[in-house]
Amino acid sequence: MSTKSTYILKFLNVMSWIAFIGLCIKAGTLLTSYGISMFFNEVGAKNLQLGLDLSQLKAYDVVDYSIMVFSITIITILEALVFYSVIQIFLKINYVSPFHETIGKLIQKMSAFSFLVGIFSNVIANYTQKFTAIGIPLPNLTEHIGLGDAFLFFAGILYFISQLFAKGIELQKESELTI
């Protein structure tokens, strides 16, 4: 492997760790802010995390507010699991013979987590239309629920790669048996 590729892979590994840790912090912040807004200070709903203001939704209905916060938290956790799978691949990959069943399963997990993020994001985007139709503003919500269609497309690409990887594993086993 060339030196340039080695540096790029190390950079991607570091970026995966940063994204994973950032998403874990975001999920923890959302849950903590939710707890504070529900039990200690109602003003906490005005800035749950990075400008996410769901105070008017909380004033409208606490159950809808709770569903929205937990849905955003689940999306964030699933995004963190995608990056955790990337980290696991960096930890377990052998660049001499990269086609291993463990790596293939991790790619399939990434595809499944991305698919779930896409589905959840699209469901929540449709769920929020109910509130915007009755005039409840939900500023900055799109930034937190993500782009569901992009994750669905990403999941499809990862699934394709996992199938190619499965074929590579099969070919690698056949070549090991013939030697």
C-alpha atoms as a PDB file:
ATOM      1  CA  MET A   1       0.000   0.000   0.000  1.00  0.00           C
ATOM      2  CA  SER A   2       1.356   3.418  -0.905  1.00  0.00           C
ATOM      3  CA  THR A   3       2.300   6.006   1.672  1.00  0.00           C
ATOM      4  CA  LYS A   4      -0.410   8.350   0.402  1.00  0.00           C
ATOM      5  CA  SER A   5      -3.084   5.666   0.902  1.00  0.00           C
ATOM      6  CA  THR A   6      -1.785   4.940   4.385  1.00  0.00           C
ATOM      7  CA  TYR A   7      -2.098   8.597   5.371  1.00  0.00           C
ATOM      8  CA  ILE A   8      -5.590   8.854   3.907  1.00  0.00           C
ATOM      9  CA  LEU A   9      -6.715   5.740   5.795  1.00  0.00           C
ATOM     10  CA  LYS A  10      -5.243   7.071   9.048  1.00  0.00           C
ATOM     11  CA  PHE A  11      -7.007  10.393   8.452  1.00  0.00           C
ATOM     12  CA  LEU A  12     -10.317   8.591   7.810  1.00  0.00           C
ATOM     13  CA  ASN A  13      -9.830   6.522  10.958  1.00  0.00           C
ATOM     14  CA  VAL A  14      -9.317   9.678  13.035  1.00  0.00           C
ATOM     15  CA  MET A  15     -12.323  11.345  11.398  1.00  0.00           C
ATOM     16  CA  SER A  16     -14.455   8.275  12.173  1.00  0.00           C
ATOM     17  CA  TRP A  17     -13.458   8.476  15.844  1.00  0.00           C
ATOM     18  CA  ILE A  18     -14.257  12.215  15.934  1.00  0.00           C
ATOM     19  CA  ALA A  19     -17.667  11.665  14.310  1.00  0.00           C
ATOM     20  CA  PHE A  20     -18.452   8.747  16.641  1.00  0.00           C
ATOM     21  CA  ILE A  21     -17.517  10.672  19.781  1.00  0.00           C
ATOM     22  CA  GLY A  22     -19.375  13.784  18.569  1.00  0.00           C
ATOM     23  CA  LEU A  23     -22.538  11.801  17.883  1.00  0.00           C
ATOM     24  CA  CYS A  24     -22.334  10.101  21.297  1.00  0.00           C
ATOM     25  CA  ILE A  25     -22.021  13.518  22.940  1.00  0.00           C
ATOM     26  CA  LYS A  26     -24.974  14.790  20.898  1.00  0.00           C
ATOM     27  CA  ALA A  27     -27.159  11.848  21.989  1.00  0.00           C
ATOM     28  CA  GLY A  28     -26.169  12.356  25.621  1.00  0.00           C
ATOM     29  CA  THR A  29     -26.818  16.087  25.402  1.00  0.00           C
ATOM     30  CA  LEU A  30     -30.256  15.517  23.907  1.00  0.00           C
ATOM     31  CA  LEU A  31     -31.257  13.102  26.661  1.00  0.00           C
ATOM     32  CA  THR A  32     -29.857  15.336  29.405  1.00  0.00           C
ATOM     33  CA  SER A  33     -31.567  18.441  28.017  1.00  0.00           C
ATOM     34  CA  TYR A  34     -34.801  16.487  27.686  1.00  0.00           C
ATOM     35  CA  GLY A  35     -34.599  15.419  31.339  1.00  0.00           C
ATOM     36  CA  ILE A  36     -33.884  18.978  32.452  1.00  0.00           C
ATOM     37  CA  SER A  37     -36.735  20.382  30.349  1.00  0.00           C
ATOM     38  CA  MET A  38     -39.183  17.802  31.697  1.00  0.00           C
ATOM     39  CA  PHE A  39     -38.311  17.810  35.389  1.00  0.00           C
ATOM     40  CA  PHE A  40     -36.386  20.967  36.333  1.00  0.00           C
ATOM     41  CA  ASN A  41     -36.662  23.890  33.937  1.00  0.00           C
ATOM     42  CA  GLU A  42     -39.118  24.184  31.070  1.00  0.00           C
ATOM     43  CA  VAL A  43     -36.851  26.713  29.370  1.00  0.00           C
ATOM     44  CA  GLY A  44     -34.519  23.801  28.540  1.00  0.00           C
ATOM     45  CA  ALA A  45     -36.794  22.910  25.613  1.00  0.00           C
ATOM     46  CA  LYS A  46     -35.815  26.215  23.930  1.00  0.00           C
ATOM     47  CA  ASN A  47     -32.299  24.987  23.222  1.00  0.00           C
ATOM     48  CA  LEU A  48     -32.088  21.221  23.476  1.00  0.00           C
ATOM     49  CA  GLN A  49     -28.889  20.921  21.462  1.00  0.00           C
ATOM     50  CA  LEU A  50     -27.206  23.310  19.004  1.00  0.00           C
ATOM     51  CA  GLY A  51     -30.203  25.591  18.514  1.00  0.00           C
ATOM     52  CA  LEU A  52     -32.872  22.902  18.468  1.00  0.00           C
ATOM     53  CA  ASP A  53     -35.954  24.692  19.822  1.00  0.00           C
ATOM     54  CA  LEU A  54     -38.928  22.452  20.540  1.00  0.00           C
ATOM     55  CA  SER A  55     -40.463  24.661  23.245  1.00  0.00           C
ATOM     56  CA  GLN A  56     -43.611  25.398  21.261  1.00  0.00           C
ATOM     57  CA  LEU A  57     -44.079  21.701  20.538  1.00  0.00           C
ATOM     58  CA  LYS A  58     -43.728  20.981  24.275  1.00  0.00           C
ATOM     59  CA  ALA A  59     -46.307  23.672  25.044  1.00  0.00           C
ATOM     60  CA  TYR A  60     -48.644  22.074  22.485  1.00  0.00           C
ATOM     61  CA  ASP A  61     -48.272  18.451  23.679  1.00  0.00           C
ATOM     62  CA  VAL A  62     -45.730  16.806  25.970  1.00  0.00           C
ATOM     63  CA  VAL A  63     -46.212  13.372  24.378  1.00  0.00           C
ATOM     64  CA  ASP A  64     -45.417  14.686  20.872  1.00  0.00           C
ATOM     65  CA  TYR A  65     -42.438  16.552  22.339  1.00  0.00           C
ATOM     66  CA  SER A  66     -41.162  13.346  23.946  1.00  0.00           C
ATOM     67  CA  ILE A  67     -41.666  11.342  20.747  1.00  0.00           C
ATOM     68  CA  MET A  68     -39.750  13.971  18.773  1.00  0.00           C
ATOM     69  CA  VAL A  69     -36.811  14.116  21.203  1.00  0.00           C
ATOM     70  CA  PHE A  70     -36.493  10.329  21.448  1.00  0.00           C
ATOM     71  CA  SER A  71     -36.751   9.963  17.674  1.00  0.00           C
ATOM     72  CA  ILE A  72     -33.941  12.466  17.126  1.00  0.00           C
ATOM     73  CA  THR A  73     -31.913  10.644  19.789  1.00  0.00           C
ATOM     74  CA  ILE A  74     -32.476   7.279  18.088  1.00  0.00           C
ATOM     75  CA  ILE A  75     -31.390   8.735  14.732  1.00  0.00           C
ATOM     76  CA  THR A  76     -28.252  10.117  16.386  1.00  0.00           C
ATOM     77  CA  ILE A  77     -27.457   6.776  18.042  1.00  0.00           C
ATOM     78  CA  LEU A  78     -27.918   4.923  14.740  1.00  0.00           C
ATOM     79  CA  GLU A  79     -25.582   7.404  13.024  1.00  0.00           C
ATOM     80  CA  ALA A  80     -23.047   6.789  15.800  1.00  0.00           C
ATOM     81  CA  LEU A  81     -23.363   3.024  15.205  1.00  0.00           C
ATOM     82  CA  VAL A  82     -22.515   3.563  11.520  1.00  0.00           C
ATOM     83  CA  PHE A  83     -19.266   5.257  12.527  1.00  0.00           C
ATOM     84  CA  TYR A  84     -18.612   2.636  15.218  1.00  0.00           C
ATOM     85  CA  SER A  85     -18.788  -0.010  12.493  1.00  0.00           C
ATOM     86  CA  VAL A  86     -16.249   1.974  10.452  1.00  0.00           C
ATOM     87  CA  ILE A  87     -13.971   2.093  13.497  1.00  0.00           C
ATOM     88  CA  GLN A  88     -14.334  -1.663  13.945  1.00  0.00           C
ATOM     89  CA  ILE A  89     -13.364  -2.200  10.304  1.00  0.00           C
ATOM     90  CA  PHE A  90     -10.215  -0.120  10.793  1.00  0.00           C
ATOM     91  CA  LEU A  91      -9.363  -2.160  13.880  1.00  0.00           C
ATOM     92  CA  LYS A  92      -9.931  -5.584  12.303  1.00  0.00           C
ATOM     93  CA  ILE A  93      -8.932  -5.244   8.667  1.00  0.00           C
ATOM     94  CA  ASN A  94      -5.873  -7.074   7.405  1.00  0.00           C
ATOM     95  CA  TYR A  95      -4.613  -5.264   4.316  1.00  0.00           C
ATOM     96  CA  VAL A  96      -2.754  -8.365   3.059  1.00  0.00           C
ATOM     97  CA  SER A  97      -5.949 -10.451   2.815  1.00  0.00           C
ATOM     98  CA  PRO A  98      -8.809  -7.991   3.385  1.00  0.00           C
ATOM     99  CA  PHE A  99     -11.664 -10.306   2.440  1.00  0.00           C
ATOM    100  CA  HIS A 100     -12.702 -11.686   5.804  1.00  0.00           C
ATOM    101  CA  GLU A 101     -16.178 -12.598   7.020  1.00  0.00           C
ATOM    102  CA  THR A 102     -15.933 -10.218   9.991  1.00  0.00           C
ATOM    103  CA  ILE A 103     -15.327  -7.263   7.692  1.00  0.00           C
ATOM    104  CA  GLY A 104     -18.182  -8.351   5.440  1.00  0.00           C
ATOM    105  CA  LYS A 105     -20.555  -8.517   8.410  1.00  0.00           C
ATOM    106  CA  LEU A 106     -19.462  -5.059   9.577  1.00  0.00           C
ATOM    107  CA  ILE A 107     -20.199  -3.623   6.132  1.00  0.00           C
ATOM    108  CA  GLN A 108     -23.636  -5.276   6.248  1.00  0.00           C
ATOM    109  CA  LYS A 109     -24.221  -3.730   9.695  1.00  0.00           C
ATOM    110  CA  MET A 110     -23.266  -0.314   8.335  1.00  0.00           C
ATOM    111  CA  SER A 111     -25.766  -0.818   5.531  1.00  0.00           C
ATOM    112  CA  ALA A 112     -28.505  -1.838   7.980  1.00  0.00           C
ATOM    113  CA  PHE A 113     -27.819   1.104  10.332  1.00  0.00           C
ATOM    114  CA  SER A 114     -27.804   3.532   7.394  1.00  0.00           C
ATOM    115  CA  PHE A 115     -31.076   2.068   6.157  1.00  0.00           C
ATOM    116  CA  LEU A 116     -32.653   2.543   9.599  1.00  0.00           C
ATOM    117  CA  VAL A 117     -31.398   6.144   9.786  1.00  0.00           C
ATOM    118  CA  GLY A 118     -32.941   6.808   6.380  1.00  0.00           C
ATOM    119  CA  ILE A 119     -36.267   5.268   7.351  1.00  0.00           C
ATOM    120  CA  PHE A 120     -36.401   7.049  10.739  1.00  0.00           C
ATOM    121  CA  SER A 121     -35.449  10.392   9.185  1.00  0.00           C
ATOM    122  CA  ASN A 122     -38.154  10.135   6.549  1.00  0.00           C
ATOM    123  CA  VAL A 123     -40.769   9.040   9.105  1.00  0.00           C
ATOM    124  CA  ILE A 124     -39.903  11.937  11.424  1.00  0.00           C
ATOM    125  CA  ALA A 125     -39.890  14.393   8.509  1.00  0.00           C
ATOM    126  CA  ASN A 126     -43.428  13.288   7.667  1.00  0.00           C
ATOM    127  CA  TYR A 127     -44.403  13.397  11.354  1.00  0.00           C
ATOM    128  CA  THR A 128     -43.276  17.032  11.612  1.00  0.00           C
ATOM    129  CA  GLN A 129     -45.542  18.061   8.744  1.00  0.00           C
ATOM    130  CA  LYS A 130     -48.481  17.553  11.122  1.00  0.00           C
ATOM    131  CA  PHE A 131     -47.106  20.294  13.370  1.00  0.00           C
ATOM    132  CA  THR A 132     -46.092  22.735  10.662  1.00  0.00           C
ATOM    133  CA  ALA A 133     -49.602  22.385   9.185  1.00  0.00           C
ATOM    134  CA  ILE A 134     -51.121  23.681  12.433  1.00  0.00           C
ATOM    135  CA  GLY A 135     -48.570  26.494  12.729  1.00  0.00           C
ATOM    136  CA  ILE A 136     -46.064  25.158  15.258  1.00  0.00           C
ATOM    137  CA  PRO A 137     -42.587  26.234  14.147  1.00  0.00           C
ATOM    138  CA  LEU A 138     -39.795  23.694  14.541  1.00  0.00           C
ATOM    139  CA  PRO A 139     -36.643  25.676  13.765  1.00  0.00           C
ATOM    140  CA  ASN A 140     -33.422  23.821  12.933  1.00  0.00           C
ATOM    141  CA  LEU A 141     -35.155  20.447  13.095  1.00  0.00           C
ATOM    142  CA  THR A 142     -34.027  19.397   9.616  1.00  0.00           C
ATOM    143  CA  GLU A 143     -30.394  19.747  10.688  1.00  0.00           C
ATOM    144  CA  HIS A 144     -30.971  17.242  13.479  1.00  0.00           C
ATOM    145  CA  ILE A 145     -33.080  14.616  11.726  1.00  0.00           C
ATOM    146  CA  GLY A 146     -30.761  14.526   8.734  1.00  0.00           C
ATOM    147  CA  LEU A 147     -31.405  13.712   5.140  1.00  0.00           C
ATOM    148  CA  GLY A 148     -33.197  10.408   5.055  1.00  0.00           C
ATOM    149  CA  ASP A 149     -32.971   9.926   1.309  1.00  0.00           C
ATOM    150  CA  ALA A 150     -29.195  10.359   1.377  1.00  0.00           C
ATOM    151  CA  PHE A 151     -28.882   7.672   4.044  1.00  0.00           C
ATOM    152  CA  LEU A 152     -31.135   5.339   2.064  1.00  0.00           C
ATOM    153  CA  PHE A 153     -28.918   5.833  -0.998  1.00  0.00           C
ATOM    154  CA  PHE A 154     -25.819   5.283   1.176  1.00  0.00           C
ATOM    155  CA  ALA A 155     -27.377   2.081   2.560  1.00  0.00           C
ATOM    156  CA  GLY A 156     -27.932   0.813  -0.972  1.00  0.00           C
ATOM    157  CA  ILE A 157     -24.320   1.481  -1.929  1.00  0.00           C
ATOM    158  CA  LEU A 158     -23.066  -0.246   1.216  1.00  0.00           C
ATOM    159  CA  TYR A 159     -25.284  -3.238   0.551  1.00  0.00           C
ATOM    160  CA  PHE A 160     -23.829  -3.487  -2.959  1.00  0.00           C
ATOM    161  CA  ILE A 161     -20.297  -3.299  -1.538  1.00  0.00           C
ATOM    162  CA  SER A 162     -21.128  -5.962   1.052  1.00  0.00           C
ATOM    163  CA  GLN A 163     -22.298  -8.284  -1.727  1.00  0.00           C
ATOM    164  CA  LEU A 164     -19.068  -7.666  -3.633  1.00  0.00           C
ATOM    165  CA  PHE A 165     -17.160  -8.368  -0.428  1.00  0.00           C
ATOM    166  CA  ALA A 166     -19.069 -11.641   0.040  1.00  0.00           C
ATOM    167  CA  LYS A 167     -18.037 -12.674  -3.488  1.00  0.00           C
ATOM    168  CA  GLY A 168     -14.422 -11.679  -2.667  1.00  0.00           C
ATOM    169  CA  ILE A 169     -14.511 -13.835   0.467  1.00  0.00           C
ATOM    170  CA  GLU A 170     -15.793 -16.752  -1.582  1.00  0.00           C
ATOM    171  CA  LEU A 171     -13.059 -16.331  -4.227  1.00  0.00           C
ATOM    172  CA  GLN A 172     -10.370 -15.941  -1.556  1.00  0.00           C
ATOM    173  CA  LYS A 173     -11.484 -19.223   0.094  1.00  0.00           C
ATOM    174  CA  GLU A 174     -11.420 -21.029  -3.255  1.00  0.00           C
ATOM    175  CA  SER A 175      -7.909 -19.782  -4.033  1.00  0.00           C
ATOM    176  CA  GLU A 176      -6.701 -20.843  -0.568  1.00  0.00           C
ATOM    177  CA  LEU A 177      -8.129 -24.339  -1.153  1.00  0.00           C
ATOM    178  CA  THR A 178      -6.418 -24.715  -4.535  1.00  0.00           C
ATOM    179  CA  ILE A 179      -2.998 -23.788  -3.125  1.00  0.00           C
END
